[in-house]
């Protein structure tokens, strides 16, 4: 799925749905603020994975990501406020406000930032909902004012995080991107095909570069690492297979048991009893 809003530099919408989605492939053509109002949200980038609940919000960089949205409330509705904006607007903002962020840790770059809503931000999102609720279009000038208001507030209160976001796009080392993707997603049920998408490569190219870095195939490497972690958890003796399979990146118990037996020759229960 490609989200393309290049025809407008800023877009503000109140998004709501009654349908949950799991790990949709999203290509964001613009940076995106996502204020969660109702439900749960998880976002996977190559180098990081973030999950949020109402009361929190994200700043997402343009690029490839996996996105899950769940309805968990009694109303069965997922709601968020979304502000998307072009990269050049961020560049213009920092040019117009050169002292807004102090350079820190220049080598760090974060494609997604997590923030907690405080009293100011609650008031900010309320103002957006009121403007969007009128059904009238918000002028381009007002949209830019609201975006700059938010950016200035974040620069004043979270300068280090904003600086890391500003550095996104400066890291072009493909090996580093693959290593970040592997580290960030080892405990999540992300497929090799999805990892290739996050790293902006074809599946065949990802497998070849992965083998160059780790000396084996992605499937074999992930299987061994996840089963090593599972074995360590089982040895502690206080957790059953049914309690750890999610923790080691599996979505169902039967697949986990099958994989464990493939590596260790016995079921998790037999392994635990033998220890």
Protein backbone atom coordinates (compact mmCIF):
# COMPACT_ATOMS: atom_id res chain seq x y z
CA UNK A 1 0.00 0.00 0.00
CA UNK A 2 1.34 3.44 -0.92
CA UNK A 3 0.19 6.58 0.86
CA UNK A 4 0.80 9.37 -1.65
CA UNK A 5 -0.19 12.88 -0.72
CA UNK A 6 2.43 14.68 -2.78
CA UNK A 7 -0.22 16.93 -4.34
CA UNK A 8 -0.51 18.83 -1.03
CA UNK A 9 2.34 19.79 1.27
CA UNK A 10 0.25 19.35 4.45
CA UNK A 11 -2.79 17.17 5.08
CA UNK A 12 -4.83 16.97 8.30
CA UNK A 13 -7.51 14.31 8.72
CA UNK A 14 -9.53 12.61 11.45
CA UNK A 15 -9.19 8.92 10.61
CA UNK A 16 -11.51 6.25 12.01
CA UNK A 17 -12.32 2.64 11.16
CA UNK A 18 -14.03 -0.36 12.70
CA UNK A 19 -11.65 -2.83 11.03
CA UNK A 20 -8.39 -4.01 12.59
CA UNK A 21 -5.34 -4.51 10.37
CA UNK A 22 -2.12 -6.43 11.01
CA UNK A 23 1.26 -5.50 9.52
CA UNK A 24 0.06 -3.71 6.42
CA UNK A 25 2.90 -2.65 4.15
CA UNK A 26 2.84 1.13 4.00
CA UNK A 27 4.97 3.46 1.89
CA UNK A 28 4.71 6.93 3.37
CA UNK A 29 5.49 9.60 0.81
CA UNK A 30 5.44 12.26 3.54
CA UNK A 31 6.39 12.49 7.21
CA UNK A 32 3.41 11.81 9.45
CA UNK A 33 2.22 12.76 12.93
CA UNK A 34 -0.23 10.13 14.23
CA UNK A 35 -2.19 11.06 17.37
CA UNK A 36 -3.92 7.93 18.66
CA UNK A 37 -7.38 8.63 20.08
CA UNK A 38 -8.86 5.14 20.35
CA UNK A 39 -7.41 1.65 19.80
CA UNK A 40 -3.83 0.38 19.57
CA UNK A 41 -1.14 1.00 16.98
CA UNK A 42 2.17 -0.70 16.18
CA UNK A 43 4.72 0.45 13.60
CA UNK A 44 7.77 -1.44 12.34
CA UNK A 45 10.63 0.33 10.58
CA UNK A 46 13.89 -1.35 9.62
CA UNK A 47 15.62 -0.16 12.77
CA UNK A 48 12.88 0.00 15.36
CA UNK A 49 9.43 -1.14 16.43
CA UNK A 50 7.04 1.06 18.41
CA UNK A 51 3.65 0.28 19.97
CA UNK A 52 1.32 2.94 21.35
CA UNK A 53 -1.98 3.34 23.15
CA UNK A 54 -4.32 6.35 23.46
CA UNK A 55 -2.54 9.20 25.19
CA UNK A 56 0.53 8.75 23.02
CA UNK A 57 1.45 9.82 19.51
CA UNK A 58 4.09 9.15 16.86
CA UNK A 59 6.16 11.10 14.39
CA UNK A 60 6.85 8.79 11.44
CA UNK A 61 9.40 9.44 8.70
CA UNK A 62 8.63 9.03 5.04
CA UNK A 63 9.57 5.58 3.79
CA UNK A 64 8.60 1.92 4.10
CA UNK A 65 7.06 0.57 7.29
CA UNK A 66 4.71 -2.14 8.56
CA UNK A 67 1.67 -0.83 10.39
CA UNK A 68 -0.91 -2.55 12.61
CA UNK A 69 -4.08 -0.90 13.91
CA UNK A 70 -6.36 -2.64 16.39
CA UNK A 71 -9.79 -1.85 17.77
CA UNK A 72 -9.84 -2.72 21.48
CA UNK A 73 -12.54 -0.52 23.02
CA UNK A 74 -16.16 -1.46 23.58
CA UNK A 75 -17.19 0.82 20.73
CA UNK A 76 -15.06 -1.26 18.35
CA UNK A 77 -13.60 1.85 16.73
CA UNK A 78 -10.05 2.86 15.91
CA UNK A 79 -9.47 6.62 15.73
CA UNK A 80 -6.49 8.87 15.13
CA UNK A 81 -5.62 12.38 14.03
CA UNK A 82 -3.11 12.45 11.18
CA UNK A 83 -0.90 15.32 10.01
CA UNK A 84 1.26 14.54 6.98
CA UNK A 85 3.77 16.97 5.55
CA UNK A 86 6.51 17.11 2.92
CA UNK A 87 10.19 16.81 3.80
CA UNK A 88 10.93 20.28 2.44
CA UNK A 89 8.58 21.77 5.05
CA UNK A 90 10.72 20.23 7.79
CA UNK A 91 13.85 21.57 6.10
CA UNK A 92 12.26 25.03 5.85
CA UNK A 93 11.24 24.88 9.51
CA UNK A 94 14.78 24.22 10.72
CA UNK A 95 16.11 26.90 8.36
CA UNK A 96 13.61 29.43 9.75
CA UNK A 97 14.32 28.40 13.36
CA UNK A 98 18.08 27.68 13.44
CA UNK A 99 18.24 27.71 17.23
CA UNK A 100 15.27 25.41 17.78
CA UNK A 101 17.39 22.26 18.17
CA UNK A 102 20.85 21.88 19.62
CA UNK A 103 22.93 19.37 17.66
CA UNK A 104 23.22 16.21 19.74
CA UNK A 105 24.53 12.77 18.89
CA UNK A 106 24.75 13.56 15.20
CA UNK A 107 25.32 9.94 14.18
CA UNK A 108 21.99 8.77 15.63
CA UNK A 109 18.88 8.71 13.49
CA UNK A 110 15.41 7.57 14.47
CA UNK A 111 12.72 7.05 11.78
CA UNK A 112 9.92 7.02 14.36
CA UNK A 113 9.55 8.99 17.59
CA UNK A 114 7.16 8.25 20.45
CA UNK A 115 5.71 11.04 22.59
CA UNK A 116 3.35 11.19 25.56
CA UNK A 117 0.51 13.69 25.35
CA UNK A 118 0.65 16.34 28.07
CA UNK A 119 -1.88 19.07 28.86
CA UNK A 120 -0.64 21.27 26.03
CA UNK A 121 -0.83 18.46 23.48
CA UNK A 122 -4.29 17.41 24.66
CA UNK A 123 -5.42 20.98 24.05
CA UNK A 124 -3.62 20.96 20.68
CA UNK A 125 -5.38 17.80 19.48
CA UNK A 126 -8.71 19.11 20.76
CA UNK A 127 -8.24 22.24 18.64
CA UNK A 128 -7.54 20.05 15.59
CA UNK A 129 -10.64 17.95 16.20
CA UNK A 130 -12.77 21.08 16.50
CA UNK A 131 -11.43 22.48 13.22
CA UNK A 132 -11.82 19.17 11.39
CA UNK A 133 -15.26 18.63 12.91
CA UNK A 134 -16.73 21.68 11.19
CA UNK A 135 -16.52 19.92 7.85
CA UNK A 136 -14.96 23.04 6.32
CA UNK A 137 -11.51 22.83 4.69
CA UNK A 138 -8.64 24.17 6.78
CA UNK A 139 -6.70 26.82 4.87
CA UNK A 140 -3.11 26.11 3.83
CA UNK A 141 -1.94 29.01 5.98
CA UNK A 142 -3.70 27.66 9.09
CA UNK A 143 -2.36 24.16 8.44
CA UNK A 144 1.20 25.49 8.33
CA UNK A 145 0.65 27.50 11.51
CA UNK A 146 -0.63 24.42 13.35
CA UNK A 147 2.24 22.27 12.08
CA UNK A 148 4.87 24.83 13.07
CA UNK A 149 3.21 25.25 16.48
CA UNK A 150 3.60 21.52 17.09
CA UNK A 151 7.18 21.38 15.80
CA UNK A 152 8.23 24.35 17.93
CA UNK A 153 6.71 22.79 21.04
CA UNK A 154 8.50 19.50 20.43
CA UNK A 155 11.80 21.28 19.77
CA UNK A 156 11.46 23.16 23.07
CA UNK A 157 10.59 20.06 25.09
CA UNK A 158 12.23 17.15 23.22
CA UNK A 159 15.25 18.63 21.36
CA UNK A 160 17.27 15.41 21.46
CA UNK A 161 14.54 13.33 19.90
CA UNK A 162 13.78 15.88 17.20
CA UNK A 163 17.48 16.01 16.31
CA UNK A 164 17.50 12.23 15.78
CA UNK A 165 14.51 12.52 13.48
CA UNK A 166 16.24 15.32 11.59
CA UNK A 167 19.12 12.92 10.88
CA UNK A 168 16.86 10.36 9.14
CA UNK A 169 17.88 9.83 5.56
CA UNK A 170 21.56 10.50 6.22
CA UNK A 171 22.31 6.82 6.83
CA UNK A 172 22.75 5.15 3.46
CA UNK A 173 24.78 2.14 4.60
CA UNK A 174 22.71 -0.86 3.49
CA UNK A 175 24.55 -3.24 5.80
CA UNK A 176 23.73 -1.04 8.78
CA UNK A 177 20.07 -0.90 7.72
CA UNK A 178 19.87 -4.70 7.50
CA UNK A 179 21.53 -5.13 10.89
CA UNK A 180 19.11 -2.63 12.41
CA UNK A 181 16.14 -4.44 10.88
CA UNK A 182 17.30 -7.79 12.22
CA UNK A 183 17.98 -6.47 15.73
CA UNK A 184 14.71 -4.54 15.99
CA UNK A 185 12.45 -7.33 14.72
CA UNK A 186 13.98 -10.54 16.04
CA UNK A 187 11.25 -10.91 18.68
CA UNK A 188 8.38 -10.04 16.33
CA UNK A 189 6.65 -12.35 13.79
CA UNK A 190 7.96 -10.36 10.83
CA UNK A 191 8.63 -12.38 7.68
CA UNK A 192 11.81 -12.25 5.61
CA UNK A 193 9.80 -10.73 2.76
CA UNK A 194 8.60 -7.97 5.11
CA UNK A 195 12.16 -7.31 6.29
CA UNK A 196 13.25 -6.89 2.66
CA UNK A 197 10.45 -4.35 2.21
CA UNK A 198 11.59 -2.41 5.30
CA UNK A 199 15.14 -2.34 3.93
CA UNK A 200 13.96 -1.07 0.52
CA UNK A 201 15.34 -4.10 -1.33
CA UNK A 202 13.97 -7.03 -3.31
CA UNK A 203 13.65 -10.36 -1.50
CA UNK A 204 16.51 -11.92 -3.48
CA UNK A 205 18.81 -8.96 -2.81
CA UNK A 206 17.99 -8.99 0.89
CA UNK A 207 18.73 -12.73 1.17
CA UNK A 208 22.03 -12.33 -0.64
CA UNK A 209 23.17 -9.39 1.48
CA UNK A 210 21.96 -11.07 4.66
CA UNK A 211 24.06 -14.15 3.81
CA UNK A 212 27.09 -11.92 3.18
CA UNK A 213 26.68 -10.34 6.63
CA UNK A 214 25.64 -13.33 8.77
CA UNK A 215 27.00 -16.27 6.78
CA UNK A 216 23.67 -18.09 6.54
CA UNK A 217 20.11 -17.68 5.28
CA UNK A 218 17.65 -15.37 7.08
CA UNK A 219 15.22 -18.19 7.87
CA UNK A 220 17.91 -20.39 9.40
CA UNK A 221 19.44 -17.53 11.38
CA UNK A 222 16.13 -16.36 12.84
CA UNK A 223 15.10 -19.93 13.66
CA UNK A 224 18.30 -20.63 15.59
CA UNK A 225 18.33 -17.31 17.47
CA UNK A 226 14.67 -17.53 18.46
CA UNK A 227 15.01 -21.13 19.61
CA UNK A 228 18.11 -20.25 21.62
CA UNK A 229 16.11 -17.62 23.45
CA UNK A 230 13.21 -20.07 23.92
CA UNK A 231 15.55 -22.68 25.40
CA UNK A 232 16.94 -20.13 27.86
CA UNK A 233 13.43 -19.17 28.98
CA UNK A 234 12.41 -22.82 29.38
CA UNK A 235 15.51 -23.59 31.45
CA UNK A 236 14.41 -21.06 34.00
CA UNK A 237 11.53 -23.43 34.66
CA UNK A 238 8.80 -20.95 35.50
CA UNK A 239 7.31 -20.47 32.02
CA UNK A 240 5.56 -22.93 29.73
CA UNK A 241 5.69 -23.03 25.95
CA UNK A 242 2.21 -21.51 25.86
CA UNK A 243 3.56 -18.52 27.80
CA UNK A 244 6.68 -17.75 25.75
CA UNK A 245 5.90 -18.38 22.07
CA UNK A 246 4.78 -14.77 21.52
CA UNK A 247 7.91 -13.52 23.27
CA UNK A 248 10.16 -15.26 20.73
CA UNK A 249 8.37 -14.03 17.62
CA UNK A 250 5.70 -16.67 16.94
CA UNK A 251 2.02 -16.00 16.35
CA UNK A 252 0.75 -19.44 17.34
CA UNK A 253 1.82 -22.21 19.71
CA UNK A 254 1.81 -25.11 17.24
CA UNK A 255 4.30 -23.41 14.89
CA UNK A 256 6.58 -22.64 17.83
CA UNK A 257 6.54 -26.26 19.06
CA UNK A 258 7.29 -27.52 15.55
CA UNK A 259 10.23 -25.13 15.17
CA UNK A 260 11.62 -25.97 18.60
CA UNK A 261 11.50 -29.69 17.83
CA UNK A 262 13.22 -29.05 14.50
CA UNK A 263 16.20 -27.49 16.31
CA UNK A 264 16.39 -29.52 19.54
CA UNK A 265 14.79 -32.82 18.53
CA UNK A 266 12.27 -32.73 21.40
CA UNK A 267 9.22 -30.69 22.29
CA UNK A 268 9.56 -27.68 24.60
CA UNK A 269 7.90 -29.62 27.41
CA UNK A 270 10.27 -32.57 27.02
CA UNK A 271 13.23 -30.18 26.91
CA UNK A 272 12.08 -28.47 30.08
CA UNK A 273 11.52 -31.74 31.95
CA UNK A 274 14.94 -33.05 30.88
CA UNK A 275 16.61 -29.95 32.25
